[in-house]
C-alpha atoms as a PDB file:
ATOM      1  CA  MET A   1     -43.757 -72.325 -45.496  1.00  0.00           C
ATOM      2  CA  ALA A   2     -45.425 -75.344 -47.077  1.00  0.00           C
ATOM      3  CA  LYS A   3     -44.422 -78.703 -45.659  1.00  0.00           C
ATOM      4  CA  MET A   4     -43.692 -82.121 -47.136  1.00  0.00           C
ATOM      5  CA  ARG A   5     -43.109 -85.587 -45.736  1.00  0.00           C
ATOM      6  CA  VAL A   6     -39.796 -87.354 -46.275  1.00  0.00           C
ATOM      7  CA  ALA A   7     -38.235 -90.578 -45.031  1.00  0.00           C
ATOM      8  CA  GLN A   8     -34.755 -89.737 -43.804  1.00  0.00           C
ATOM      9  CA  VAL A   9     -31.880 -91.759 -42.414  1.00  0.00           C
ATOM     10  CA  PRO A  10     -30.835 -89.709 -39.354  1.00  0.00           C
ATOM     11  CA  LYS A  11     -27.485 -91.484 -38.965  1.00  0.00           C
ATOM     12  CA  ALA A  12     -25.735 -94.569 -40.296  1.00  0.00           C
ATOM     13  CA  GLY A  13     -27.438 -97.760 -39.156  1.00  0.00           C
ATOM     14  CA  ALA A  14     -30.622 -96.084 -37.918  1.00  0.00           C
ATOM     15  CA  ASP A  15     -34.175 -96.829 -39.006  1.00  0.00           C
ATOM     16  CA  PHE A  16     -35.936 -94.440 -41.337  1.00  0.00           C
ATOM     17  CA  GLN A  17     -37.769 -91.512 -39.790  1.00  0.00           C
ATOM     18  CA  VAL A  18     -40.824 -90.107 -41.573  1.00  0.00           C
ATOM     19  CA  ILE A  19     -40.770 -86.401 -40.747  1.00  0.00           C
ATOM     20  CA  GLU A  20     -42.040 -83.100 -42.071  1.00  0.00           C
ATOM     21  CA  ARG A  21     -39.705 -80.618 -43.726  1.00  0.00           C
ATOM     22  CA  GLU A  22     -40.148 -77.401 -45.609  1.00  0.00           C
ATOM     23  CA  ILE A  23     -40.588 -77.960 -49.343  1.00  0.00           C
ATOM     24  CA  PRO A  24     -37.198 -77.007 -50.846  1.00  0.00           C
ATOM     25  CA  GLN A  25     -36.716 -74.318 -53.466  1.00  0.00           C
ATOM     26  CA  PRO A  26     -34.787 -75.187 -56.646  1.00  0.00           C
ATOM     27  CA  GLY A  27     -31.567 -73.274 -57.149  1.00  0.00           C
ATOM     28  CA  MET A  28     -29.786 -72.313 -60.343  1.00  0.00           C
ATOM     29  CA  GLY A  29     -29.718 -75.234 -62.761  1.00  0.00           C
ATOM     30  CA  GLU A  30     -32.120 -77.289 -60.661  1.00  0.00           C
ATOM     31  CA  VAL A  31     -35.710 -78.485 -60.862  1.00  0.00           C
ATOM     32  CA  ARG A  32     -38.133 -79.417 -58.120  1.00  0.00           C
ATOM     33  CA  ILE A  33     -39.994 -82.667 -58.646  1.00  0.00           C
ATOM     34  CA  ARG A  34     -43.285 -83.662 -57.044  1.00  0.00           C
ATOM     35  CA  VAL A  35     -42.507 -87.309 -56.462  1.00  0.00           C
ATOM     36  CA  GLN A  36     -45.204 -89.819 -57.331  1.00  0.00           C
ATOM     37  CA  ALA A  37     -43.236 -93.036 -56.809  1.00  0.00           C
ATOM     38  CA  CYS A  38     -39.721 -94.096 -55.841  1.00  0.00           C
ATOM     39  CA  GLY A  39     -38.221 -97.546 -56.046  1.00  0.00           C
ATOM     40  CA  VAL A  40     -36.468 -99.076 -53.036  1.00  0.00           C
ATOM     41  CA  CYS A  41     -33.180-100.375 -54.416  1.00  0.00           C
ATOM     42  CA  HIS A  42     -30.677-102.640 -52.670  1.00  0.00           C
ATOM     43  CA  SER A  43     -28.056 -99.924 -53.200  1.00  0.00           C
ATOM     44  CA  ASP A  44     -30.021 -97.733 -50.773  1.00  0.00           C
ATOM     45  CA  ALA A  45     -28.625 -99.960 -48.021  1.00  0.00           C
ATOM     46  CA  LEU A  46     -25.327 -98.130 -48.561  1.00  0.00           C
ATOM     47  CA  VAL A  47     -27.052 -94.948 -47.372  1.00  0.00           C
ATOM     48  CA  LYS A  48     -28.895 -96.593 -44.513  1.00  0.00           C
ATOM     49  CA  GLU A  49     -25.846 -98.419 -43.193  1.00  0.00           C
ATOM     50  CA  GLY A  50     -23.211 -95.794 -43.996  1.00  0.00           C
ATOM     51  CA  GLY A  51     -21.425 -97.894 -46.593  1.00  0.00           C
ATOM     52  CA  TRP A  52     -20.730 -95.040 -49.035  1.00  0.00           C
ATOM     53  CA  PRO A  53     -17.803 -92.666 -48.498  1.00  0.00           C
ATOM     54  CA  GLY A  54     -18.524 -89.041 -47.748  1.00  0.00           C
ATOM     55  CA  LEU A  55     -22.210 -89.401 -46.845  1.00  0.00           C
ATOM     56  CA  ALA A  56     -23.733 -86.524 -44.898  1.00  0.00           C
ATOM     57  CA  TYR A  57     -26.635 -87.183 -42.522  1.00  0.00           C
ATOM     58  CA  PRO A  58     -29.538 -86.870 -42.246  1.00  0.00           C
ATOM     59  CA  ARG A  59     -30.020 -88.118 -45.801  1.00  0.00           C
ATOM     60  CA  VAL A  60     -33.124 -88.959 -47.835  1.00  0.00           C
ATOM     61  CA  PRO A  61     -32.302 -91.864 -50.176  1.00  0.00           C
ATOM     62  CA  GLY A  62     -33.949 -92.744 -53.466  1.00  0.00           C
ATOM     63  CA  HIS A  63     -32.616 -93.003 -57.017  1.00  0.00           C
ATOM     64  CA  GLU A  64     -35.590 -94.601 -58.801  1.00  0.00           C
ATOM     65  CA  VAL A  65     -37.747 -91.495 -58.876  1.00  0.00           C
ATOM     66  CA  ALA A  66     -40.818 -90.910 -61.036  1.00  0.00           C
ATOM     67  CA  GLY A  67     -42.768 -87.674 -60.804  1.00  0.00           C
ATOM     68  CA  VAL A  68     -43.695 -84.307 -62.261  1.00  0.00           C
ATOM     69  CA  ILE A  69     -41.690 -81.084 -62.389  1.00  0.00           C
ATOM     70  CA  ASP A  70     -43.252 -78.704 -59.908  1.00  0.00           C
ATOM     71  CA  ASP A  71     -40.896 -75.732 -60.265  1.00  0.00           C
ATOM     72  CA  VAL A  72     -37.681 -74.783 -62.037  1.00  0.00           C
ATOM     73  CA  GLY A  73     -34.710 -72.760 -60.870  1.00  0.00           C
ATOM     74  CA  SER A  74     -33.029 -69.872 -62.623  1.00  0.00           C
ATOM     75  CA  GLY A  75     -31.293 -70.650 -65.883  1.00  0.00           C
ATOM     76  CA  VAL A  76     -33.387 -73.758 -66.564  1.00  0.00           C
ATOM     77  CA  THR A  77     -34.790 -73.657 -70.085  1.00  0.00           C
ATOM     78  CA  GLN A  78     -34.936 -77.307 -71.174  1.00  0.00           C
ATOM     79  CA  TRP A  79     -37.528 -78.429 -68.613  1.00  0.00           C
ATOM     80  CA  ARG A  80     -40.980 -77.055 -67.830  1.00  0.00           C
ATOM     81  CA  LYS A  81     -43.517 -77.229 -65.040  1.00  0.00           C
ATOM     82  CA  GLY A  82     -45.901 -80.149 -65.376  1.00  0.00           C
ATOM     83  CA  GLN A  83     -43.463 -82.300 -67.359  1.00  0.00           C
ATOM     84  CA  ARG A  84     -43.236 -85.963 -66.338  1.00  0.00           C
ATOM     85  CA  VAL A  85     -39.663 -86.881 -65.435  1.00  0.00           C
ATOM     86  CA  GLY A  86     -37.547 -89.440 -63.683  1.00  0.00           C
ATOM     87  CA  VAL A  87     -34.268 -89.423 -61.786  1.00  0.00           C
ATOM     88  CA  GLY A  88     -31.950 -92.427 -61.666  1.00  0.00           C
ATOM     89  CA  TRP A  89     -28.578 -93.281 -60.136  1.00  0.00           C
ATOM     90  CA  HIS A  90     -26.582 -90.717 -62.126  1.00  0.00           C
ATOM     91  CA  GLY A  91     -26.987 -87.426 -60.306  1.00  0.00           C
ATOM     92  CA  GLY A  92     -24.701 -85.233 -62.386  1.00  0.00           C
ATOM     93  CA  GLN A  93     -21.121 -84.795 -63.543  1.00  0.00           C
ATOM     94  CA  ASP A  94     -18.394 -82.184 -63.144  1.00  0.00           C
ATOM     95  CA  GLY A  95     -17.866 -81.662 -66.882  1.00  0.00           C
ATOM     96  CA  THR A  96     -14.130 -81.114 -66.437  1.00  0.00           C
ATOM     97  CA  CYS A  97     -12.479 -84.469 -65.662  1.00  0.00           C
ATOM     98  CA  VAL A  98     -10.879 -86.596 -68.391  1.00  0.00           C
ATOM     99  CA  ALA A  99     -13.914 -88.898 -68.633  1.00  0.00           C
ATOM    100  CA  CYS A 100     -16.297 -85.950 -69.046  1.00  0.00           C
ATOM    101  CA  ARG A 101     -14.050 -84.327 -71.643  1.00  0.00           C
ATOM    102  CA  GLN A 102     -14.294 -87.605 -73.552  1.00  0.00           C
ATOM    103  CA  GLY A 103     -18.095 -87.557 -73.233  1.00  0.00           C
ATOM    104  CA  ASP A 104     -18.086 -90.491 -70.812  1.00  0.00           C
ATOM    105  CA  PHE A 105     -20.249 -88.850 -68.155  1.00  0.00           C
ATOM    106  CA  ALA A 106     -21.177 -92.152 -66.504  1.00  0.00           C
ATOM    107  CA  ASN A 107     -17.542 -92.530 -65.429  1.00  0.00           C
ATOM    108  CA  CYS A 108     -17.077 -88.959 -64.224  1.00  0.00           C
ATOM    109  CA  ALA A 109     -14.346 -88.856 -61.594  1.00  0.00           C
ATOM    110  CA  SER A 110     -16.575 -86.879 -59.228  1.00  0.00           C
ATOM    111  CA  ALA A 111     -20.025 -88.002 -60.367  1.00  0.00           C
ATOM    112  CA  LYS A 112     -22.953 -87.254 -58.080  1.00  0.00           C
ATOM    113  CA  VAL A 113     -25.334 -90.027 -57.072  1.00  0.00           C
ATOM    114  CA  SER A 114     -29.017 -89.302 -56.522  1.00  0.00           C
ATOM    115  CA  GLY A 115     -30.031 -89.947 -52.921  1.00  0.00           C
ATOM    116  CA  PHE A 116     -26.369 -90.105 -51.901  1.00  0.00           C
ATOM    117  CA  SER A 117     -24.849 -86.764 -52.933  1.00  0.00           C
ATOM    118  CA  PHE A 118     -28.158 -84.965 -52.390  1.00  0.00           C
ATOM    119  CA  ASP A 119     -31.567 -85.910 -51.033  1.00  0.00           C
ATOM    120  CA  GLY A 120     -33.458 -88.338 -53.243  1.00  0.00           C
ATOM    121  CA  GLY A 121     -36.956 -89.580 -53.846  1.00  0.00           C
ATOM    122  CA  TYR A 122     -38.071 -91.041 -50.503  1.00  0.00           C
ATOM    123  CA  GLY A 123     -40.307 -88.027 -50.032  1.00  0.00           C
ATOM    124  CA  GLU A 124     -43.091 -86.007 -51.548  1.00  0.00           C
ATOM    125  CA  TYR A 125     -40.726 -83.519 -53.215  1.00  0.00           C
ATOM    126  CA  MET A 126     -37.068 -83.454 -54.189  1.00  0.00           C
ATOM    127  CA  VAL A 127     -34.706 -81.037 -55.909  1.00  0.00           C
ATOM    128  CA  ALA A 128     -32.413 -82.383 -58.616  1.00  0.00           C
ATOM    129  CA  PRO A 129     -29.763 -80.858 -60.887  1.00  0.00           C
ATOM    130  CA  VAL A 130     -30.822 -80.770 -64.524  1.00  0.00           C
ATOM    131  CA  ASP A 131     -27.944 -83.153 -65.314  1.00  0.00           C
ATOM    132  CA  ALA A 132     -29.851 -85.876 -63.443  1.00  0.00           C
ATOM    133  CA  VAL A 133     -33.284 -85.511 -65.063  1.00  0.00           C
ATOM    134  CA  ALA A 134     -34.805 -87.792 -67.704  1.00  0.00           C
ATOM    135  CA  ALA A 135     -38.031 -87.258 -69.630  1.00  0.00           C
ATOM    136  CA  MET A 136     -40.689 -89.872 -68.872  1.00  0.00           C
ATOM    137  CA  PRO A 137     -43.343 -91.056 -71.370  1.00  0.00           C
ATOM    138  CA  GLU A 138     -46.901 -90.087 -70.551  1.00  0.00           C
ATOM    139  CA  SER A 139     -48.305 -93.608 -70.776  1.00  0.00           C
ATOM    140  CA  LEU A 140     -46.046 -95.224 -68.164  1.00  0.00           C
ATOM    141  CA  ALA A 141     -47.530 -95.468 -64.676  1.00  0.00           C
ATOM    142  CA  ALA A 142     -45.170 -93.829 -62.193  1.00  0.00           C
ATOM    143  CA  ALA A 143     -44.942 -96.888 -59.939  1.00  0.00           C
ATOM    144  CA  GLU A 144     -43.936 -99.047 -62.919  1.00  0.00           C
ATOM    145  CA  ALA A 145     -41.572 -96.460 -64.373  1.00  0.00           C
ATOM    146  CA  ALA A 146     -39.605 -95.988 -61.144  1.00  0.00           C
ATOM    147  CA  PRO A 147     -37.713 -99.331 -61.127  1.00  0.00           C
ATOM    148  CA  LEU A 148     -36.874 -98.876 -64.810  1.00  0.00           C
ATOM    149  CA  LEU A 149     -34.652 -95.959 -63.766  1.00  0.00           C
ATOM    150  CA  CYS A 150     -32.172 -98.287 -62.042  1.00  0.00           C
ATOM    151  CA  ALA A 151     -32.869-101.995 -62.529  1.00  0.00           C
ATOM    152  CA  GLY A 152     -34.294-101.261 -65.966  1.00  0.00           C
ATOM    153  CA  ILE A 153     -31.553 -99.027 -67.320  1.00  0.00           C
ATOM    154  CA  THR A 154     -28.883-101.348 -65.892  1.00  0.00           C
ATOM    155  CA  THR A 155     -30.111-104.437 -67.738  1.00  0.00           C
ATOM    156  CA  PHE A 156     -31.225-102.586 -70.884  1.00  0.00           C
ATOM    157  CA  ASN A 157     -27.965-100.692 -71.251  1.00  0.00           C
ATOM    158  CA  ALA A 158     -25.756-103.678 -70.457  1.00  0.00           C
ATOM    159  CA  LEU A 159     -27.524-105.855 -73.032  1.00  0.00           C
ATOM    160  CA  ARG A 160     -27.533-103.298 -75.827  1.00  0.00           C
ATOM    161  CA  HIS A 161     -23.794-102.739 -75.392  1.00  0.00           C
ATOM    162  CA  SER A 162     -22.948-106.426 -74.916  1.00  0.00           C
ATOM    163  CA  GLY A 163     -22.134-107.223 -78.536  1.00  0.00           C
ATOM    164  CA  ALA A 164     -25.003-109.711 -78.903  1.00  0.00           C
ATOM    165  CA  GLY A 165     -27.151-109.534 -82.008  1.00  0.00           C
ATOM    166  CA  PRO A 166     -30.606-110.825 -82.956  1.00  0.00           C
ATOM    167  CA  GLY A 167     -30.692-114.603 -82.873  1.00  0.00           C
ATOM    168  CA  ASP A 168     -27.689-114.927 -80.550  1.00  0.00           C
ATOM    169  CA  LEU A 169     -27.974-117.051 -77.426  1.00  0.00           C
ATOM    170  CA  VAL A 170     -28.084-114.787 -74.382  1.00  0.00           C
ATOM    171  CA  ALA A 171     -28.362-116.216 -70.881  1.00  0.00           C
ATOM    172  CA  ILE A 172     -29.769-114.291 -67.945  1.00  0.00           C
ATOM    173  CA  GLN A 173     -28.360-115.522 -64.623  1.00  0.00           C
ATOM    174  CA  GLY A 174     -30.966-114.901 -61.925  1.00  0.00           C
ATOM    175  CA  VAL A 175     -34.716-114.331 -62.167  1.00  0.00           C
ATOM    176  CA  GLY A 176     -35.043-111.567 -59.603  1.00  0.00           C
ATOM    177  CA  GLY A 177     -35.202-107.795 -59.428  1.00  0.00           C
ATOM    178  CA  LEU A 178     -32.693-107.312 -62.252  1.00  0.00           C
ATOM    179  CA  GLY A 179     -33.090-110.640 -64.007  1.00  0.00           C
ATOM    180  CA  HIS A 180     -36.848-110.499 -64.556  1.00  0.00           C
ATOM    181  CA  LEU A 181     -36.319-107.269 -66.490  1.00  0.00           C
ATOM    182  CA  GLY A 182     -33.220-108.608 -68.253  1.00  0.00           C
ATOM    183  CA  ILE A 183     -35.218-111.552 -69.621  1.00  0.00           C
ATOM    184  CA  GLN A 184     -37.884-109.225 -70.992  1.00  0.00           C
ATOM    185  CA  PHE A 185     -35.391-106.862 -72.631  1.00  0.00           C
ATOM    186  CA  ALA A 186     -33.370-109.738 -74.078  1.00  0.00           C
ATOM    187  CA  GLN A 187     -36.472-111.293 -75.631  1.00  0.00           C
ATOM    188  CA  ARG A 188     -37.566-107.953 -77.130  1.00  0.00           C
ATOM    189  CA  PHE A 189     -34.068-107.467 -78.580  1.00  0.00           C
ATOM    190  CA  GLY A 190     -34.532-110.661 -80.581  1.00  0.00           C
ATOM    191  CA  TYR A 191     -32.083-112.842 -78.675  1.00  0.00           C
ATOM    192  CA  ARG A 192     -32.578-116.542 -77.933  1.00  0.00           C
ATOM    193  CA  VAL A 193     -33.013-116.284 -74.192  1.00  0.00           C
ATOM    194  CA  ALA A 194     -31.947-118.863 -71.643  1.00  0.00           C
ATOM    195  CA  ALA A 195     -32.894-118.040 -68.049  1.00  0.00           C
ATOM    196  CA  ILE A 196     -30.776-119.562 -65.280  1.00  0.00           C
ATOM    197  CA  GLY A 197     -32.449-119.908 -61.904  1.00  0.00           C
ATOM    198  CA  ARG A 198     -32.430-122.035 -58.780  1.00  0.00           C
ATOM    199  CA  GLY A 199     -35.340-124.446 -58.427  1.00  0.00           C
ATOM    200  CA  PRO A 200     -38.148-125.681 -60.698  1.00  0.00           C
ATOM    201  CA  GLU A 201     -40.712-123.224 -59.349  1.00  0.00           C
ATOM    202  CA  THR A 202     -39.161-120.378 -61.369  1.00  0.00           C
ATOM    203  CA  ALA A 203     -39.473-122.102 -64.739  1.00  0.00           C
ATOM    204  CA  ALA A 204     -43.021-121.013 -65.572  1.00  0.00           C
ATOM    205  CA  LEU A 205     -42.329-117.364 -64.747  1.00  0.00           C
ATOM    206  CA  ALA A 206     -39.108-117.341 -66.775  1.00  0.00           C
ATOM    207  CA  LYS A 207     -40.977-118.691 -69.804  1.00  0.00           C
ATOM    208  CA  LYS A 208     -43.778-116.155 -69.309  1.00  0.00           C
ATOM    209  CA  LEU A 209     -41.242-113.318 -69.206  1.00  0.00           C
ATOM    210  CA  GLY A 210     -39.770-114.409 -72.542  1.00  0.00           C
ATOM    211  CA  ALA A 211     -37.170-117.118 -71.964  1.00  0.00           C
ATOM    212  CA  SER A 212     -37.216-119.953 -74.478  1.00  0.00           C
ATOM    213  CA  VAL A 213     -35.150-122.179 -72.183  1.00  0.00           C
ATOM    214  CA  TYR A 214     -35.027-122.466 -68.407  1.00  0.00           C
ATOM    215  CA  ILE A 215     -31.964-123.979 -66.738  1.00  0.00           C
ATOM    216  CA  ASP A 216     -32.253-125.040 -63.104  1.00  0.00           C
ATOM    217  CA  SER A 217     -28.730-124.707 -61.722  1.00  0.00           C
ATOM    218  CA  ASN A 218     -29.716-126.683 -58.632  1.00  0.00           C
ATOM    219  CA  VAL A 219     -30.065-129.921 -60.584  1.00  0.00           C
ATOM    220  CA  THR A 220     -27.895-129.471 -63.663  1.00  0.00           C
ATOM    221  CA  ASN A 221     -24.593-127.983 -64.786  1.00  0.00           C
ATOM    222  CA  ALA A 222     -25.721-124.661 -66.234  1.00  0.00           C
ATOM    223  CA  ALA A 223     -22.506-124.078 -68.195  1.00  0.00           C
ATOM    224  CA  GLY A 224     -22.823-127.513 -69.770  1.00  0.00           C
ATOM    225  CA  GLU A 225     -26.438-126.877 -70.710  1.00  0.00           C
ATOM    226  CA  LEU A 226     -25.444-123.622 -72.408  1.00  0.00           C
ATOM    227  CA  GLN A 227     -22.784-125.451 -74.382  1.00  0.00           C
ATOM    228  CA  LYS A 228     -25.400-127.961 -75.547  1.00  0.00           C
ATOM    229  CA  LEU A 229     -27.267-124.941 -76.966  1.00  0.00           C
ATOM    230  CA  GLY A 230     -24.131-123.800 -78.815  1.00  0.00           C
ATOM    231  CA  GLY A 231     -22.536-121.607 -76.148  1.00  0.00           C
ATOM    232  CA  ALA A 232     -23.763-118.226 -75.010  1.00  0.00           C
ATOM    233  CA  ARG A 233     -22.733-115.073 -76.840  1.00  0.00           C
ATOM    234  CA  VAL A 234     -23.515-113.187 -73.644  1.00  0.00           C
ATOM    235  CA  ILE A 235     -24.308-114.167 -70.088  1.00  0.00           C
ATOM    236  CA  LEU A 236     -25.858-111.309 -68.111  1.00  0.00           C
ATOM    237  CA  ALA A 237     -25.019-111.998 -64.449  1.00  0.00           C
ATOM    238  CA  THR A 238     -27.680-110.334 -62.325  1.00  0.00           C
ATOM    239  CA  ALA A 239     -27.728-112.376 -59.096  1.00  0.00           C
ATOM    240  CA  PRO A 240     -24.984-111.168 -56.716  1.00  0.00           C
ATOM    241  CA  SER A 241     -23.187-114.488 -56.311  1.00  0.00           C
ATOM    242  CA  SER A 242     -19.609-114.541 -57.554  1.00  0.00           C
ATOM    243  CA  LYS A 243     -19.500-118.313 -57.105  1.00  0.00           C
ATOM    244  CA  ALA A 244     -22.495-118.735 -59.412  1.00  0.00           C
ATOM    245  CA  MET A 245     -20.976-116.318 -61.946  1.00  0.00           C
ATOM    246  CA  SER A 246     -17.653-118.166 -61.926  1.00  0.00           C
ATOM    247  CA  ALA A 247     -19.416-121.437 -62.647  1.00  0.00           C
ATOM    248  CA  LEU A 248     -20.892-119.991 -65.837  1.00  0.00           C
ATOM    249  CA  VAL A 249     -17.671-118.954 -67.599  1.00  0.00           C
ATOM    250  CA  ASP A 250     -17.454-122.330 -69.342  1.00  0.00           C
ATOM    251  CA  GLY A 251     -20.938-121.749 -70.749  1.00  0.00           C
ATOM    252  CA  LEU A 252     -19.693-118.967 -73.012  1.00  0.00           C
ATOM    253  CA  GLY A 253     -19.291-119.602 -76.711  1.00  0.00           C
ATOM    254  CA  ASN A 254     -16.469-118.280 -78.867  1.00  0.00           C
ATOM    255  CA  ASN A 255     -16.014-114.541 -78.306  1.00  0.00           C
ATOM    256  CA  GLY A 256     -18.557-114.817 -75.504  1.00  0.00           C
ATOM    257  CA  ARG A 257     -18.822-112.257 -72.768  1.00  0.00           C
ATOM    258  CA  LEU A 258     -19.881-112.510 -69.127  1.00  0.00           C
ATOM    259  CA  VAL A 259     -21.459-109.121 -68.354  1.00  0.00           C
ATOM    260  CA  VAL A 260     -21.656-108.484 -64.621  1.00  0.00           C
ATOM    261  CA  VAL A 261     -24.348-106.218 -63.169  1.00  0.00           C
ATOM    262  CA  GLY A 262     -25.036-108.043 -59.875  1.00  0.00           C
ATOM    263  CA  ALA A 263     -22.873-106.375 -57.232  1.00  0.00           C
ATOM    264  CA  ALA A 264     -21.098-108.951 -55.070  1.00  0.00           C
ATOM    265  CA  THR A 265     -17.982-108.349 -52.973  1.00  0.00           C
ATOM    266  CA  ASP A 266     -16.111-111.657 -53.357  1.00  0.00           C
ATOM    267  CA  PRO A 267     -13.918-112.419 -56.403  1.00  0.00           C
ATOM    268  CA  ILE A 268     -15.103-113.936 -59.659  1.00  0.00           C
ATOM    269  CA  GLU A 269     -12.749-116.808 -60.500  1.00  0.00           C
ATOM    270  CA  ALA A 270     -11.662-117.719 -64.025  1.00  0.00           C
ATOM    271  CA  THR A 271      -8.410-119.234 -65.218  1.00  0.00           C
ATOM    272  CA  PRO A 272      -6.461-117.604 -68.031  1.00  0.00           C
ATOM    273  CA  ILE A 273      -7.012-120.771 -70.101  1.00  0.00           C
ATOM    274  CA  GLN A 274     -10.789-120.389 -69.786  1.00  0.00           C
ATOM    275  CA  LEU A 275     -10.561-116.899 -71.260  1.00  0.00           C
ATOM    276  CA  ILE A 276      -7.773-117.355 -73.813  1.00  0.00           C
ATOM    277  CA  PHE A 277      -9.302-120.259 -75.709  1.00  0.00           C
ATOM    278  CA  GLY A 278     -12.425-118.978 -77.407  1.00  0.00           C
ATOM    279  CA  ARG A 279     -11.402-115.356 -76.663  1.00  0.00           C
ATOM    280  CA  LYS A 280     -13.891-115.029 -73.827  1.00  0.00           C
ATOM    281  CA  SER A 281     -14.152-111.983 -71.601  1.00  0.00           C
ATOM    282  CA  ILE A 282     -15.638-110.674 -68.369  1.00  0.00           C
ATOM    283  CA  GLN A 283     -17.000-107.134 -68.240  1.00  0.00           C
ATOM    284  CA  GLY A 284     -18.683-105.070 -65.544  1.00  0.00           C
ATOM    285  CA  TRP A 285     -21.501-102.654 -66.306  1.00  0.00           C
ATOM    286  CA  SER A 286     -23.124 -99.884 -64.276  1.00  0.00           C
ATOM    287  CA  ALA A 287     -26.399 -98.128 -65.010  1.00  0.00           C
ATOM    288  CA  GLY A 288     -26.040 -95.108 -67.317  1.00  0.00           C
ATOM    289  CA  ILE A 289     -26.878 -91.434 -67.718  1.00  0.00           C
ATOM    290  CA  PRO A 290     -30.297 -89.754 -68.101  1.00  0.00           C
ATOM    291  CA  THR A 291     -30.390 -90.122 -71.893  1.00  0.00           C
ATOM    292  CA  ASP A 292     -29.924 -93.870 -71.342  1.00  0.00           C
ATOM    293  CA  SER A 293     -32.857 -93.726 -68.919  1.00  0.00           C
ATOM    294  CA  GLU A 294     -34.942 -92.065 -71.618  1.00  0.00           C
ATOM    295  CA  ASP A 295     -34.024 -94.798 -74.108  1.00  0.00           C
ATOM    296  CA  THR A 296     -34.945 -97.433 -71.533  1.00  0.00           C
ATOM    297  CA  LEU A 297     -38.299 -95.841 -70.747  1.00  0.00           C
ATOM    298  CA  ARG A 298     -39.253 -95.367 -74.396  1.00  0.00           C
ATOM    299  CA  PHE A 299     -38.274 -98.936 -75.273  1.00  0.00           C
ATOM    300  CA  ALA A 300     -40.211-100.332 -72.328  1.00  0.00           C
ATOM    301  CA  GLU A 301     -43.220 -98.221 -73.227  1.00  0.00           C
ATOM    302  CA  SER A 302     -43.297 -99.425 -76.837  1.00  0.00           C
ATOM    303  CA  THR A 303     -42.525-103.109 -76.206  1.00  0.00           C
ATOM    304  CA  GLY A 304     -44.506-103.766 -73.038  1.00  0.00           C
ATOM    305  CA  VAL A 305     -41.554-104.422 -70.725  1.00  0.00           C
ATOM    306  CA  ARG A 306     -42.766-103.811 -67.186  1.00  0.00           C
ATOM    307  CA  PRO A 307     -41.351-104.549 -63.734  1.00  0.00           C
ATOM    308  CA  MET A 308     -43.198-106.756 -61.285  1.00  0.00           C
ATOM    309  CA  ILE A 309     -43.705-104.565 -58.233  1.00  0.00           C
ATOM    310  CA  GLU A 310     -44.961-104.430 -54.663  1.00  0.00           C
ATOM    311  CA  THR A 311     -46.075-100.968 -53.522  1.00  0.00           C
ATOM    312  CA  TYR A 312     -45.994 -99.377 -50.067  1.00  0.00           C
ATOM    313  CA  PRO A 313     -47.014 -95.936 -48.790  1.00  0.00           C
ATOM    314  CA  LEU A 314     -44.259 -93.680 -47.494  1.00  0.00           C
ATOM    315  CA  ALA A 315     -45.440 -94.189 -43.898  1.00  0.00           C
ATOM    316  CA  ARG A 316     -44.439 -97.887 -44.168  1.00  0.00           C
ATOM    317  CA  VAL A 317     -40.932 -97.187 -45.464  1.00  0.00           C
ATOM    318  CA  ASN A 318     -39.205 -99.350 -42.842  1.00  0.00           C
ATOM    319  CA  GLU A 319     -41.439-102.280 -43.745  1.00  0.00           C
ATOM    320  CA  ALA A 320     -40.817-101.674 -47.446  1.00  0.00           C
ATOM    321  CA  PHE A 321     -37.062-101.564 -46.958  1.00  0.00           C
ATOM    322  CA  ALA A 322     -37.104-104.764 -44.881  1.00  0.00           C
ATOM    323  CA  ARG A 323     -39.163-106.483 -47.566  1.00  0.00           C
ATOM    324  CA  MET A 324     -36.635-105.484 -50.223  1.00  0.00           C
ATOM    325  CA  MET A 325     -33.698-106.642 -48.101  1.00  0.00           C
ATOM    326  CA  SER A 326     -35.373-109.990 -47.393  1.00  0.00           C
ATOM    327  CA  GLY A 327     -35.005-110.999 -51.033  1.00  0.00           C
ATOM    328  CA  LYS A 328     -38.597-112.259 -51.003  1.00  0.00           C
ATOM    329  CA  ALA A 329     -40.222-109.370 -52.867  1.00  0.00           C
ATOM    330  CA  GLU A 330     -41.584-110.040 -56.352  1.00  0.00           C
ATOM    331  CA  PHE A 331     -39.579-108.299 -57.545  1.00  0.00           C
ATOM    332  CA  ARG A 332     -39.160-104.563 -57.006  1.00  0.00           C
ATOM    333  CA  VAL A 333     -40.444-102.623 -53.978  1.00  0.00           C
ATOM    334  CA  VAL A 334     -41.835 -99.168 -54.735  1.00  0.00           C
ATOM    335  CA  LEU A 335     -42.865 -96.345 -52.386  1.00  0.00           C
ATOM    336  CA  VAL A 336     -45.954 -94.554 -53.672  1.00  0.00           C
ATOM    337  CA  MET A 337     -46.197 -90.969 -52.509  1.00  0.00           C
ATOM    338  CA  GLN A 338     -49.261 -89.807 -54.395  1.00  0.00           C
ATOM    339  CA  GLU A 339     -51.915 -91.039 -56.763  1.00  0.00           C
ATOM    340  CA  THR A 340     -50.257 -92.247 -59.963  1.00  0.00           C
ATOM    341  CA  PRO A 341     -51.687 -92.303 -63.471  1.00  0.00           C
END
């Protein structure tokens, strides 16, 4: 049998092992993907450290997968060999729970997660259910497309459902892995974009990405600065600091919304008075389903939104993961399995 290389987590808390396995065969309703690139997302730490319930080991993580369909299983008619595709966080739905019956597949009660429920993209090949597959435009390089399937779809989808319209003031909290994409999407949507970062060294990059205003929260009251601009219709909170998010609530304008995509574990604090007057709200947002990934990829392709990436070969997966966890990468770490377009 033909072999492939994968980077697996043998048990919770262990380092990655790069090993050879037999190339898997797709079953009914599945496709096999020859992986070209896979993003290393902070959520993959949940696999590595055993922080997700029900994980089975060994497990190959990876939910920012860009590649080409190599084979299809029985019953698959909507995908073909040679087609460029991606796989994101959403790994499939049961189709029977209340959320699915309402068409809300992203909130399926027993949703699968790519790289958690089944082996993901940290390898040369992976098998995915058709429910997890998104078509990928031909002109996007695989290494650039990969982060758009998690960080990209998260910021794109959150912003387009935020209630903001062209010309509205939208603030992006954090200029990092999520935020640097959020600024680009917000600018392309026609918003007035204020980027909120820590330190003056980020100002030039924020402006280059599309922000019209940069607010350094280290030296000024960011909420007050937003109010000077008229109050934000939306604040997209991308940096996982609940304290920093809480401090921004007073920067919302009337009917403003704090949209949270940065996953922190401590509470966001807001008084009822802060929310009642001005009818302000706080909303969480997760990524989306494969059709949302397709929208994200097409929009990025046509508008020039691209992630800033650092690439590593699969053999250096432990180094790549450590770089991502350090918070020093600019800004997304991507494993490159094969030559990309």
